[in-house]
């Protein structure tokens, strides 16, 4: 009976999905492609054709909630792909620069958009993975317009993936349902399914299926790291760009380690807190209620180390050389924490109290810490230390590891800002590079500090776009509006995207070494995590370990 129920559910879903398939006279002249997935009718937008809301998997609803995505069968007829689709389910977002206002959402959200430049033939492909803490976000944001990519001959694919509890819940009952005895990571599996779709279908749009670059910012960057680490994603992309990524500890499926409860325990605790009877109760909940209530009680989505989709901690994957061997670009902004101030706890009121506390917490590493984050500049030290512990160290670590593997690897530091951001005391804040990556003048969210639309700013954006898209073409980031970008190596070359792009060396000497040893010591104990806790909120540093001091 269960098999019959699943088959009937799939049939009903397929009927609902093919309701969008039509051979009507509407937009008959619009371009049609015949992909492996089926025929699609797009819409002309400027010098591009856009195919909106293409389903790459069956709706993850009903019995498919909390399960790996099921590939979308080929549809009959021509499917209209002319209107934007919904975001995945997500709770309301607090007011601030990232709030995009009211969002149309649906649990049936496993869709992607493809933007194709006119005349595309064997074009490089870039796949954008949106950020939002794995809780919020959508591929449909106006800020992610692909027009500037198309001008540079790039096909841009922007994907949705399940968020929050719907995307990352692990639970013993879910593991028992799975033939591999694992659960969680559904949002990551969605991304893998989308990349498989790209490999199988993008040639029909004029794209080169063997030249695919994945890129994302914040949680999109974390997702890119997960894809670099996951054996299931290897071979599905050819380059990666990580914008403000981080390498926090992840929960293991069944073991509690590094201060992290097991993912299954987290899932069981959630069902208890919500007052429902296991997975059956969670599947019976209305999607809005489930996503909102789980967020309200503090459920935080992360990847789960299950031994199959994610085999081990990200730092361990790269240390053991198990990551995807692809060229990499990574970097971070100078003022990441100004819009993420909750990550930086209030510091002691006096420089003397701060210095004393650091010496207690960091012991033999205290003087190195104070050299980088001195007591004389408390406010700056608070923000810089958290920025480096979260984003700076992670960016350099990723680039170093790929460079050590003999792959072209490029580091950047983004400090470009403008009057409205300075006036708001935000500087080059978290995600402030994204509008420049997309050339998104006039398309930022309502509360985003207004970007000046001037020739100087547009030239800077052109340089950023050039670097990103040329890297996607052949792993060599170049621009007529900036200097040559040297690969990371012994001279620790990086691109400083400041007022103008400048090629420099040795970003923040001593920063990487400090935070690498801190992580190494915490990891060696097995009882401490490595994340945003630094300085005044850091747990006391464990004693030195030979494996860490010799690094």
Protein backbone atom coordinates (compact mmCIF):
# COMPACT_ATOMS: atom_id res chain seq x y z
CA UNK A 1 0.00 0.00 0.00
CA UNK A 2 2.83 2.40 0.81
CA UNK A 3 4.35 1.89 -2.66
CA UNK A 4 0.97 2.46 -4.32
CA UNK A 5 0.50 5.62 -2.26
CA UNK A 6 3.89 6.98 -3.32
CA UNK A 7 3.20 6.17 -6.99
CA UNK A 8 -0.20 7.86 -6.83
CA UNK A 9 1.35 10.89 -5.12
CA UNK A 10 3.98 11.12 -7.88
CA UNK A 11 1.26 10.85 -10.54
CA UNK A 12 -0.81 13.62 -8.95
CA UNK A 13 2.28 15.85 -8.65
CA UNK A 14 3.22 15.21 -12.27
CA UNK A 15 -0.29 16.14 -13.39
CA UNK A 16 -0.06 19.36 -11.40
CA UNK A 17 3.33 20.19 -12.85
CA UNK A 18 2.28 19.52 -16.43
CA UNK A 19 -0.57 21.98 -15.94
CA UNK A 20 2.08 24.55 -17.00
CA UNK A 21 2.71 22.71 -20.25
CA UNK A 22 0.87 24.28 -23.15
CA UNK A 23 0.75 24.53 -26.90
CA UNK A 24 -1.52 27.57 -26.85
CA UNK A 25 -1.12 30.60 -29.09
CA UNK A 26 0.18 32.67 -26.18
CA UNK A 27 3.75 33.84 -26.88
CA UNK A 28 4.03 31.53 -29.89
CA UNK A 29 6.96 33.53 -31.20
CA UNK A 30 8.93 33.17 -27.98
CA UNK A 31 12.06 31.00 -28.21
CA UNK A 32 11.68 27.28 -27.53
CA UNK A 33 14.44 24.85 -26.59
CA UNK A 34 14.21 21.08 -26.65
CA UNK A 35 16.21 19.92 -23.61
CA UNK A 36 16.49 16.43 -22.18
CA UNK A 37 13.99 17.51 -19.52
CA UNK A 38 11.45 18.56 -22.15
CA UNK A 39 10.57 21.49 -24.39
CA UNK A 40 10.60 24.94 -22.79
CA UNK A 41 9.32 28.29 -23.99
CA UNK A 42 11.28 31.24 -22.62
CA UNK A 43 10.90 34.99 -22.85
CA UNK A 44 13.07 37.65 -24.51
CA UNK A 45 14.53 40.14 -22.02
CA UNK A 46 16.86 42.63 -23.70
CA UNK A 47 19.67 40.75 -25.42
CA UNK A 48 18.88 37.54 -23.56
CA UNK A 49 16.34 34.79 -23.36
CA UNK A 50 15.24 33.84 -19.86
CA UNK A 51 13.66 30.53 -18.92
CA UNK A 52 11.97 30.97 -15.55
CA UNK A 53 10.99 28.47 -12.88
CA UNK A 54 12.16 25.26 -14.56
CA UNK A 55 11.46 22.32 -12.22
CA UNK A 56 14.51 20.13 -11.75
CA UNK A 57 12.81 17.72 -9.32
CA UNK A 58 9.34 16.64 -8.31
CA UNK A 59 7.68 18.75 -5.57
CA UNK A 60 9.18 17.83 -2.17
CA UNK A 61 5.73 17.69 -0.60
CA UNK A 62 3.59 15.07 1.14
CA UNK A 63 5.52 11.83 1.54
CA UNK A 64 8.50 13.43 -0.26
CA UNK A 65 8.95 15.99 2.52
CA UNK A 66 12.25 15.20 4.30
CA UNK A 67 13.45 12.98 1.46
CA UNK A 68 16.09 13.31 -1.23
CA UNK A 69 14.86 15.07 -4.38
CA UNK A 70 13.25 12.89 -7.05
CA UNK A 71 14.27 13.76 -10.63
CA UNK A 72 11.60 15.44 -12.72
CA UNK A 73 10.36 13.14 -15.52
CA UNK A 74 10.39 14.51 -19.05
CA UNK A 75 7.17 16.35 -19.78
CA UNK A 76 5.13 16.25 -22.97
CA UNK A 77 4.42 19.30 -25.09
CA UNK A 78 6.00 22.72 -24.57
CA UNK A 79 6.28 24.03 -21.03
CA UNK A 80 5.91 27.78 -20.51
CA UNK A 81 8.91 29.17 -18.59
CA UNK A 82 8.01 32.84 -18.82
CA UNK A 83 7.06 33.79 -15.27
CA UNK A 84 9.07 33.88 -12.06
CA UNK A 85 8.47 31.07 -9.59
CA UNK A 86 8.22 31.02 -5.81
CA UNK A 87 10.93 30.98 -3.17
CA UNK A 88 11.25 27.99 -0.89
CA UNK A 89 9.47 28.15 2.46
CA UNK A 90 11.10 30.53 4.95
CA UNK A 91 10.18 32.49 8.07
CA UNK A 92 9.81 36.28 8.12
CA UNK A 93 13.12 38.18 8.09
CA UNK A 94 13.98 41.01 10.47
CA UNK A 95 14.12 44.54 9.11
CA UNK A 96 17.53 45.42 7.70
CA UNK A 97 19.54 45.62 4.49
CA UNK A 98 18.89 41.98 3.58
CA UNK A 99 15.09 42.09 3.91
CA UNK A 100 13.56 41.85 0.44
CA UNK A 101 9.99 42.54 1.52
CA UNK A 102 7.09 40.17 0.98
CA UNK A 103 8.19 36.97 -0.74
CA UNK A 104 5.97 34.60 -2.72
CA UNK A 105 6.84 31.14 -1.43
CA UNK A 106 5.76 27.55 -1.74
CA UNK A 107 6.94 24.15 -0.57
CA UNK A 108 6.89 23.19 -4.25
CA UNK A 109 9.98 25.27 -5.03
CA UNK A 110 12.69 23.09 -6.59
CA UNK A 111 13.15 25.28 -9.64
CA UNK A 112 15.91 27.10 -11.45
CA UNK A 113 16.19 30.00 -13.89
CA UNK A 114 18.40 29.98 -17.00
CA UNK A 115 19.45 33.24 -18.67
CA UNK A 116 20.99 32.83 -22.12
CA UNK A 117 22.79 35.54 -24.13
CA UNK A 118 21.63 35.88 -27.73
CA UNK A 119 23.63 33.63 -30.01
CA UNK A 120 25.07 31.50 -27.20
CA UNK A 121 27.07 28.54 -28.46
CA UNK A 122 29.15 26.37 -26.16
CA UNK A 123 29.04 29.23 -23.63
CA UNK A 124 30.57 29.00 -20.13
CA UNK A 125 27.97 28.38 -17.43
CA UNK A 126 27.81 29.89 -13.94
CA UNK A 127 25.45 28.50 -11.29
CA UNK A 128 24.48 30.97 -8.54
CA UNK A 129 23.62 29.61 -5.08
CA UNK A 130 21.91 32.28 -2.99
CA UNK A 131 22.75 33.03 0.63
CA UNK A 132 20.56 33.58 3.67
CA UNK A 133 21.88 31.43 6.56
CA UNK A 134 20.23 28.36 4.95
CA UNK A 135 17.02 29.91 6.30
CA UNK A 136 16.11 32.69 3.86
CA UNK A 137 16.70 33.66 0.24
CA UNK A 138 15.60 32.95 -3.29
CA UNK A 139 17.02 32.71 -6.79
CA UNK A 140 14.38 35.24 -7.92
CA UNK A 141 15.84 38.34 -6.23
CA UNK A 142 16.07 41.32 -8.64
CA UNK A 143 19.64 41.82 -7.40
CA UNK A 144 20.57 38.56 -9.13
CA UNK A 145 19.72 39.73 -12.65
CA UNK A 146 21.92 37.96 -15.19
CA UNK A 147 22.04 40.75 -17.80
CA UNK A 148 25.66 41.74 -17.12
CA UNK A 149 26.80 38.11 -17.21
CA UNK A 150 25.10 37.66 -20.56
CA UNK A 151 26.98 40.68 -21.95
CA UNK A 152 30.16 38.76 -21.16
CA UNK A 153 28.96 35.59 -22.90
CA UNK A 154 27.97 33.69 -19.75
CA UNK A 155 24.86 31.54 -19.27
CA UNK A 156 23.69 32.09 -15.70
CA UNK A 157 21.69 29.48 -13.82
CA UNK A 158 20.17 30.50 -10.49
CA UNK A 159 18.75 27.78 -8.25
CA UNK A 160 16.33 27.33 -5.37
CA UNK A 161 16.92 24.71 -2.69
CA UNK A 162 15.03 23.70 0.45
CA UNK A 163 15.72 25.84 3.51
CA UNK A 164 15.49 25.57 7.28
CA UNK A 165 13.96 22.49 8.83
CA UNK A 166 12.60 21.34 5.45
CA UNK A 167 16.11 21.33 4.02
CA UNK A 168 18.34 20.05 6.80
CA UNK A 169 16.43 18.08 9.47
CA UNK A 170 17.93 14.77 10.55
CA UNK A 171 15.98 12.32 12.71
CA UNK A 172 16.25 8.61 13.60
CA UNK A 173 12.93 7.88 11.89
CA UNK A 174 14.12 9.56 8.70
CA UNK A 175 17.37 7.60 8.79
CA UNK A 176 15.36 4.38 9.17
CA UNK A 177 13.42 5.26 6.00
CA UNK A 178 16.62 5.71 4.00
CA UNK A 179 18.37 2.65 2.48
CA UNK A 180 21.71 4.21 3.51
CA UNK A 181 20.45 4.74 7.08
CA UNK A 182 21.13 8.49 6.94
CA UNK A 183 19.07 11.68 7.03
CA UNK A 184 19.40 15.44 6.65
CA UNK A 185 21.24 17.40 3.95
CA UNK A 186 18.14 17.65 1.74
CA UNK A 187 18.94 21.22 0.71
CA UNK A 188 22.43 20.12 -0.31
CA UNK A 189 20.99 17.16 -2.21
CA UNK A 190 18.71 19.62 -4.01
CA UNK A 191 21.76 21.58 -5.12
CA UNK A 192 23.40 18.38 -6.35
CA UNK A 193 20.24 17.49 -8.27
CA UNK A 194 20.22 20.96 -9.85
CA UNK A 195 23.86 20.53 -10.94
CA UNK A 196 23.02 17.15 -12.47
CA UNK A 197 20.20 18.86 -14.35
CA UNK A 198 22.66 21.46 -15.64
CA UNK A 199 25.11 18.80 -16.85
CA UNK A 200 22.31 16.95 -18.65
CA UNK A 201 20.38 19.89 -20.12
CA UNK A 202 22.46 23.04 -20.52
CA UNK A 203 23.83 22.15 -23.97
CA UNK A 204 20.29 22.60 -25.35
CA UNK A 205 20.46 26.26 -24.27
CA UNK A 206 23.85 26.82 -25.94
CA UNK A 207 25.90 26.11 -22.82
CA UNK A 208 29.08 24.11 -22.33
CA UNK A 209 28.18 21.32 -19.91
CA UNK A 210 31.90 20.75 -19.27
CA UNK A 211 32.55 24.36 -18.19
CA UNK A 212 30.39 24.98 -15.14
CA UNK A 213 31.36 27.31 -12.29
CA UNK A 214 29.43 27.26 -9.02
CA UNK A 215 29.44 30.40 -6.89
CA UNK A 216 27.65 31.72 -3.85
CA UNK A 217 27.87 34.17 -0.97
CA UNK A 218 27.48 33.55 2.79
CA UNK A 219 25.25 30.45 3.09
CA UNK A 220 25.61 30.14 -0.68
CA UNK A 221 29.38 30.08 -0.12
CA UNK A 222 28.94 27.49 2.64
CA UNK A 223 26.87 25.45 0.20
CA UNK A 224 29.68 25.77 -2.34
CA UNK A 225 32.08 24.42 0.29
CA UNK A 226 29.71 21.51 0.99
CA UNK A 227 29.64 20.79 -2.75
CA UNK A 228 33.43 20.91 -2.88
CA UNK A 229 33.48 18.40 -0.02
CA UNK A 230 30.66 16.05 -1.04
CA UNK A 231 31.66 13.00 -3.10
CA UNK A 232 28.14 13.05 -4.57
CA UNK A 233 28.83 16.44 -6.19
CA UNK A 234 32.28 15.71 -7.59
CA UNK A 235 32.38 15.80 -11.36
CA UNK A 236 29.32 18.08 -11.59
CA UNK A 237 31.24 21.39 -11.74
CA UNK A 238 34.59 22.65 -12.96
CA UNK A 239 35.36 25.76 -10.87
CA UNK A 240 34.14 27.37 -7.66
CA UNK A 241 33.90 30.88 -6.21
CA UNK A 242 33.39 31.25 -2.45
CA UNK A 243 32.27 34.72 -1.33
CA UNK A 244 32.45 35.11 2.46
CA UNK A 245 32.40 31.42 3.24
CA UNK A 246 32.98 29.90 6.67
CA UNK A 247 34.18 26.56 8.02
CA UNK A 248 32.21 26.06 11.24
CA UNK A 249 31.92 22.68 12.90
CA UNK A 250 28.99 20.58 11.71
CA UNK A 251 26.97 18.08 13.75
CA UNK A 252 27.58 14.40 13.15
CA UNK A 253 24.55 12.24 12.44
CA UNK A 254 24.71 10.11 15.61
CA UNK A 255 27.77 11.17 17.62
CA UNK A 256 28.07 14.24 19.82
CA UNK A 257 31.47 15.84 19.29
CA UNK A 258 33.09 19.29 19.25
CA UNK A 259 30.31 20.72 21.46
CA UNK A 260 27.75 19.73 18.83
CA UNK A 261 24.82 17.49 19.68
CA UNK A 262 24.22 14.80 17.11
CA UNK A 263 21.94 15.81 14.26
CA UNK A 264 19.48 13.03 15.14
CA UNK A 265 19.28 14.29 18.73
CA UNK A 266 18.62 17.79 17.43
CA UNK A 267 15.79 16.41 15.30
CA UNK A 268 14.26 14.43 18.16
CA UNK A 269 14.43 17.47 20.43
CA UNK A 270 12.62 19.54 17.80
CA UNK A 271 9.69 17.13 17.57
CA UNK A 272 9.42 17.17 21.36
CA UNK A 273 9.55 20.97 21.52
CA UNK A 274 6.92 21.32 18.79
CA UNK A 275 4.71 18.76 20.54
CA UNK A 276 4.29 16.47 17.54
CA UNK A 277 4.52 12.72 17.18
CA UNK A 278 7.74 12.13 15.31
CA UNK A 279 8.13 12.50 11.55
CA UNK A 280 4.50 11.63 10.87
CA UNK A 281 3.54 14.67 12.92
CA UNK A 282 6.05 16.91 11.14
CA UNK A 283 4.82 15.76 7.72
CA UNK A 284 1.25 16.51 8.77
CA UNK A 285 2.06 20.11 9.72
CA UNK A 286 1.20 22.90 7.30
CA UNK A 287 4.45 24.10 5.71
CA UNK A 288 4.23 27.73 6.91
CA UNK A 289 3.54 26.60 10.48
CA UNK A 290 6.39 24.10 10.45
CA UNK A 291 8.99 26.50 9.07
CA UNK A 292 7.93 29.39 11.33
CA UNK A 293 7.60 27.36 14.53
CA UNK A 294 10.90 25.53 14.06
CA UNK A 295 12.68 28.84 13.48
CA UNK A 296 10.97 30.38 16.50
CA UNK A 297 12.28 27.65 18.82
CA UNK A 298 15.81 28.08 17.50
CA UNK A 299 16.27 25.27 14.98
CA UNK A 300 19.47 26.14 13.08
CA UNK A 301 20.08 24.37 9.75
CA UNK A 302 23.53 22.96 8.99
CA UNK A 303 25.00 20.21 6.91
CA UNK A 304 25.20 16.87 8.69
CA UNK A 305 28.23 14.57 8.68
CA UNK A 306 26.58 11.31 7.64
CA UNK A 307 29.57 9.46 6.16
CA UNK A 308 28.12 9.56 2.65
CA UNK A 309 26.89 13.01 1.50
CA UNK A 310 29.32 14.77 3.85
CA UNK A 311 31.98 12.40 5.13
CA UNK A 312 33.74 14.55 7.72
CA UNK A 313 34.30 18.13 8.94
CA UNK A 314 35.10 20.53 6.11
CA UNK A 315 38.57 21.28 7.49
CA UNK A 316 39.31 17.55 7.66
CA UNK A 317 38.08 16.97 4.11
CA UNK A 318 40.50 19.58 2.76
CA UNK A 319 43.34 18.41 5.02
CA UNK A 320 42.97 14.88 3.66
CA UNK A 321 42.79 16.10 0.06
CA UNK A 322 39.30 14.67 -0.50
CA UNK A 323 37.79 17.89 -1.87
CA UNK A 324 36.92 18.45 -5.53
CA UNK A 325 40.11 19.30 -7.38
CA UNK A 326 38.91 22.41 -9.22
CA UNK A 327 40.27 25.97 -9.57
CA UNK A 328 39.00 28.22 -6.79
CA UNK A 329 38.46 31.88 -6.01
CA UNK A 330 37.61 32.97 -2.46
CA UNK A 331 37.54 36.12 -0.39
CA UNK A 332 35.77 38.31 2.14
CA UNK A 333 34.89 41.92 2.91
CA UNK A 334 36.61 44.31 5.29
CA UNK A 335 33.55 45.02 7.45
CA UNK A 336 31.72 41.68 7.40
CA UNK A 337 30.58 41.94 11.01
CA UNK A 338 29.05 45.43 10.88
CA UNK A 339 25.72 43.91 9.80
CA UNK A 340 26.34 40.72 11.81
CA UNK A 341 27.11 42.37 15.13
CA UNK A 342 25.32 39.59 17.04
CA UNK A 343 28.42 37.48 16.32
CA UNK A 344 30.63 39.91 18.26
CA UNK A 345 29.71 40.14 21.93
CA UNK A 346 30.32 43.39 23.88
CA UNK A 347 33.93 43.71 24.92
CA UNK A 348 35.29 44.86 28.31
CA UNK A 349 34.97 48.59 28.90
CA UNK A 350 38.68 49.29 29.26
CA UNK A 351 41.75 48.31 27.23
CA UNK A 352 43.32 46.94 30.38
CA UNK A 353 40.40 44.59 31.07
CA UNK A 354 40.42 43.44 27.44
CA UNK A 355 44.15 42.66 27.47
CA UNK A 356 43.83 40.79 30.78
CA UNK A 357 40.93 38.71 29.46
CA UNK A 358 42.74 37.81 26.23
CA UNK A 359 45.78 36.64 28.21
CA UNK A 360 43.55 34.40 30.33
CA UNK A 361 41.74 32.91 27.33
CA UNK A 362 44.64 32.59 24.89
CA UNK A 363 47.50 31.81 27.27
CA UNK A 364 50.71 31.29 25.25
CA UNK A 365 49.08 32.72 22.10
CA UNK A 366 47.83 35.90 23.77
CA UNK A 367 50.58 38.23 22.58
CA UNK A 368 50.11 37.12 18.99
CA UNK A 369 46.40 37.77 19.35
CA UNK A 370 46.94 41.23 20.87
CA UNK A 371 49.41 42.15 18.14
CA UNK A 372 46.70 41.56 15.54
CA UNK A 373 43.77 42.90 17.60
CA UNK A 374 45.25 45.43 20.01
CA UNK A 375 43.64 46.76 23.17
CA UNK A 376 44.22 50.34 22.03
CA UNK A 377 41.50 50.00 19.34
CA UNK A 378 38.82 48.01 21.12
CA UNK A 379 35.92 48.57 18.71
CA UNK A 380 38.00 47.80 15.63
CA UNK A 381 39.59 44.78 17.30
CA UNK A 382 36.16 43.38 18.17
CA UNK A 383 34.94 43.49 14.59
CA UNK A 384 38.22 42.54 12.92
CA UNK A 385 38.87 39.54 15.15
CA UNK A 386 35.41 38.10 14.51
CA UNK A 387 35.68 38.84 10.78
CA UNK A 388 38.97 36.97 10.58
CA UNK A 389 37.91 34.05 12.78
CA UNK A 390 34.83 33.48 10.63
CA UNK A 391 35.58 34.66 7.09
CA UNK A 392 39.22 35.72 6.69
CA UNK A 393 40.84 32.52 7.94
CA UNK A 394 38.34 30.36 6.02
CA UNK A 395 38.92 32.22 2.74
CA UNK A 396 42.69 31.93 2.93
CA UNK A 397 42.50 28.32 4.08
CA UNK A 398 40.41 27.27 1.08
CA UNK A 399 42.71 29.06 -1.35
CA UNK A 400 45.83 27.62 0.31
CA UNK A 401 44.52 24.06 0.17
CA UNK A 402 43.62 24.26 -3.51
CA UNK A 403 46.95 25.91 -4.30
CA UNK A 404 48.77 23.12 -2.43
CA UNK A 405 46.90 20.66 -4.67
CA UNK A 406 48.41 22.43 -7.70
CA UNK A 407 45.22 24.19 -8.77
CA UNK A 408 44.85 27.84 -9.88
CA UNK A 409 43.60 29.59 -6.72
CA UNK A 410 42.83 33.25 -6.15
CA UNK A 411 42.27 35.26 -2.97
CA UNK A 412 40.51 38.63 -2.74
CA UNK A 413 39.83 41.22 -0.06
CA UNK A 414 36.90 43.55 -0.71
CA UNK A 415 36.98 46.93 1.05
CA UNK A 416 35.19 49.04 -1.57
CA UNK A 417 32.52 51.26 -0.04
CA UNK A 418 30.54 54.42 -0.78
CA UNK A 419 28.98 57.38 1.08
CA UNK A 420 25.64 55.83 2.11
CA UNK A 421 27.34 52.74 3.54
CA UNK A 422 29.92 54.86 5.37
CA UNK A 423 27.21 57.14 6.75
CA UNK A 424 25.37 54.07 8.05
CA UNK A 425 28.62 52.96 9.74
CA UNK A 426 28.61 49.74 7.72
CA UNK A 427 31.61 50.17 5.42
CA UNK A 428 32.16 47.17 3.14
CA UNK A 429 29.61 45.07 4.99
CA UNK A 430 28.68 41.39 4.61
CA UNK A 431 27.40 40.79 1.03
CA UNK A 432 28.25 44.34 -0.06
CA UNK A 433 30.24 42.89 -2.98
CA UNK A 434 27.18 41.08 -4.39
CA UNK A 435 25.63 44.07 -6.23
CA UNK A 436 29.00 44.69 -7.88
CA UNK A 437 29.29 41.03 -8.89
CA UNK A 438 25.88 41.33 -10.60
CA UNK A 439 26.13 44.98 -11.67
CA UNK A 440 22.92 45.47 -9.70
CA UNK A 441 22.62 49.27 -9.74
CA UNK A 442 19.07 50.20 -8.72
CA UNK A 443 18.14 46.60 -7.88
CA UNK A 444 19.23 46.24 -4.24
CA UNK A 445 16.68 45.67 -1.42
CA UNK A 446 14.82 48.69 -0.07
CA UNK A 447 16.92 49.05 3.10
CA UNK A 448 20.28 48.47 1.41
CA UNK A 449 22.51 51.58 1.57
CA UNK A 450 21.91 53.25 -1.79
CA UNK A 451 24.74 52.61 -4.25
CA UNK A 452 25.73 55.69 -6.28
CA UNK A 453 25.12 55.09 -9.96
CA UNK A 454 28.16 56.93 -11.33
CA UNK A 455 30.68 56.19 -14.09
CA UNK A 456 33.33 55.49 -11.45
CA UNK A 457 31.14 52.96 -9.63
CA UNK A 458 30.08 51.31 -12.87
CA UNK A 459 33.71 50.94 -13.94
CA UNK A 460 34.54 49.31 -10.62
CA UNK A 461 31.57 46.94 -11.03
CA UNK A 462 32.79 46.15 -14.55
CA UNK A 463 36.16 45.16 -13.15
CA UNK A 464 34.56 42.83 -10.58
CA UNK A 465 32.29 41.30 -13.22
CA UNK A 466 35.22 40.86 -15.58
CA UNK A 467 37.29 39.06 -12.95
CA UNK A 468 34.44 36.73 -11.98
CA UNK A 469 33.37 35.87 -15.53
CA UNK A 470 36.87 35.48 -16.98
CA UNK A 471 37.71 33.10 -14.13
CA UNK A 472 34.61 31.13 -15.10
CA UNK A 473 35.78 30.96 -18.71
CA UNK A 474 39.33 29.71 -18.27
CA UNK A 475 40.45 30.05 -14.62
CA UNK A 476 42.31 33.29 -15.35
CA UNK A 477 40.63 36.36 -13.78
CA UNK A 478 41.46 39.43 -15.88
CA UNK A 479 39.93 42.85 -16.55
CA UNK A 480 40.73 45.85 -18.71
CA UNK A 481 39.71 47.94 -15.69
CA UNK A 482 42.23 46.48 -13.27
CA UNK A 483 45.61 44.80 -12.91
CA UNK A 484 46.38 41.16 -13.62
CA UNK A 485 45.31 38.94 -10.76
CA UNK A 486 48.16 36.66 -9.69
CA UNK A 487 47.40 33.20 -8.37
CA UNK A 488 48.00 32.54 -4.67
CA UNK A 489 51.39 31.01 -3.97
CA UNK A 490 54.50 31.56 -1.85
CA UNK A 491 54.14 35.33 -2.24
CA UNK A 492 50.54 35.07 -0.96
CA UNK A 493 49.20 37.22 -3.79
CA UNK A 494 45.68 38.59 -3.56
CA UNK A 495 43.47 41.16 -5.24
CA UNK A 496 42.49 44.11 -3.08
CA UNK A 497 39.12 45.31 -4.35
CA UNK A 498 39.29 48.69 -2.63
CA UNK A 499 38.61 52.08 -4.16
CA UNK A 500 40.03 50.49 -7.29
CA UNK A 501 41.42 46.98 -7.80
CA UNK A 502 45.08 46.64 -6.78
CA UNK A 503 47.28 43.56 -6.83
CA UNK A 504 48.94 43.04 -3.43
CA UNK A 505 50.74 40.41 -1.34
CA UNK A 506 50.59 39.06 2.21
CA UNK A 507 47.09 39.92 3.45
CA UNK A 508 47.16 40.57 7.22
CA UNK A 509 50.44 38.81 8.08
CA UNK A 510 49.98 36.41 10.99
CA UNK A 511 46.16 36.35 10.74
CA UNK A 512 45.87 32.98 9.03
CA UNK A 513 48.52 31.32 11.21
CA UNK A 514 46.85 32.49 14.44
CA UNK A 515 43.37 31.27 13.60
CA UNK A 516 44.66 28.05 12.03
CA UNK A 517 46.45 27.12 15.25
CA UNK A 518 43.44 28.06 17.35
CA UNK A 519 41.22 25.80 15.23
CA UNK A 520 43.78 23.02 15.30
CA UNK A 521 44.02 23.04 19.10
CA UNK A 522 40.25 23.06 19.52
CA UNK A 523 39.85 20.23 17.00
CA UNK A 524 42.54 18.14 18.69
CA UNK A 525 40.59 18.00 21.96
CA UNK A 526 37.40 16.72 20.31
CA UNK A 527 35.46 18.72 22.90
CA UNK A 528 35.57 22.25 21.48
CA UNK A 529 34.02 23.71 18.36
CA UNK A 530 35.49 26.34 16.04
CA UNK A 531 33.11 29.03 14.89
CA UNK A 532 32.50 32.76 15.53
CA UNK A 533 33.54 32.69 19.19
CA UNK A 534 36.72 34.67 19.46
CA UNK A 535 38.29 37.18 21.83
CA UNK A 536 36.13 37.96 24.84
CA UNK A 537 33.59 35.19 24.12
CA UNK A 538 36.08 32.46 23.21
CA UNK A 539 36.41 29.43 25.48
CA UNK A 540 39.85 29.05 27.06
CA UNK A 541 42.32 27.77 24.49
CA UNK A 542 43.47 24.16 25.00
CA UNK A 543 47.13 23.47 25.61
CA UNK A 544 49.41 23.27 22.63
CA UNK A 545 49.49 20.11 20.52
CA UNK A 546 52.51 18.97 18.51
CA UNK A 547 50.43 18.52 15.37
CA UNK A 548 49.34 22.16 15.60
CA UNK A 549 52.62 23.91 16.41
CA UNK A 550 54.37 22.17 13.52
CA UNK A 551 51.82 23.31 10.94
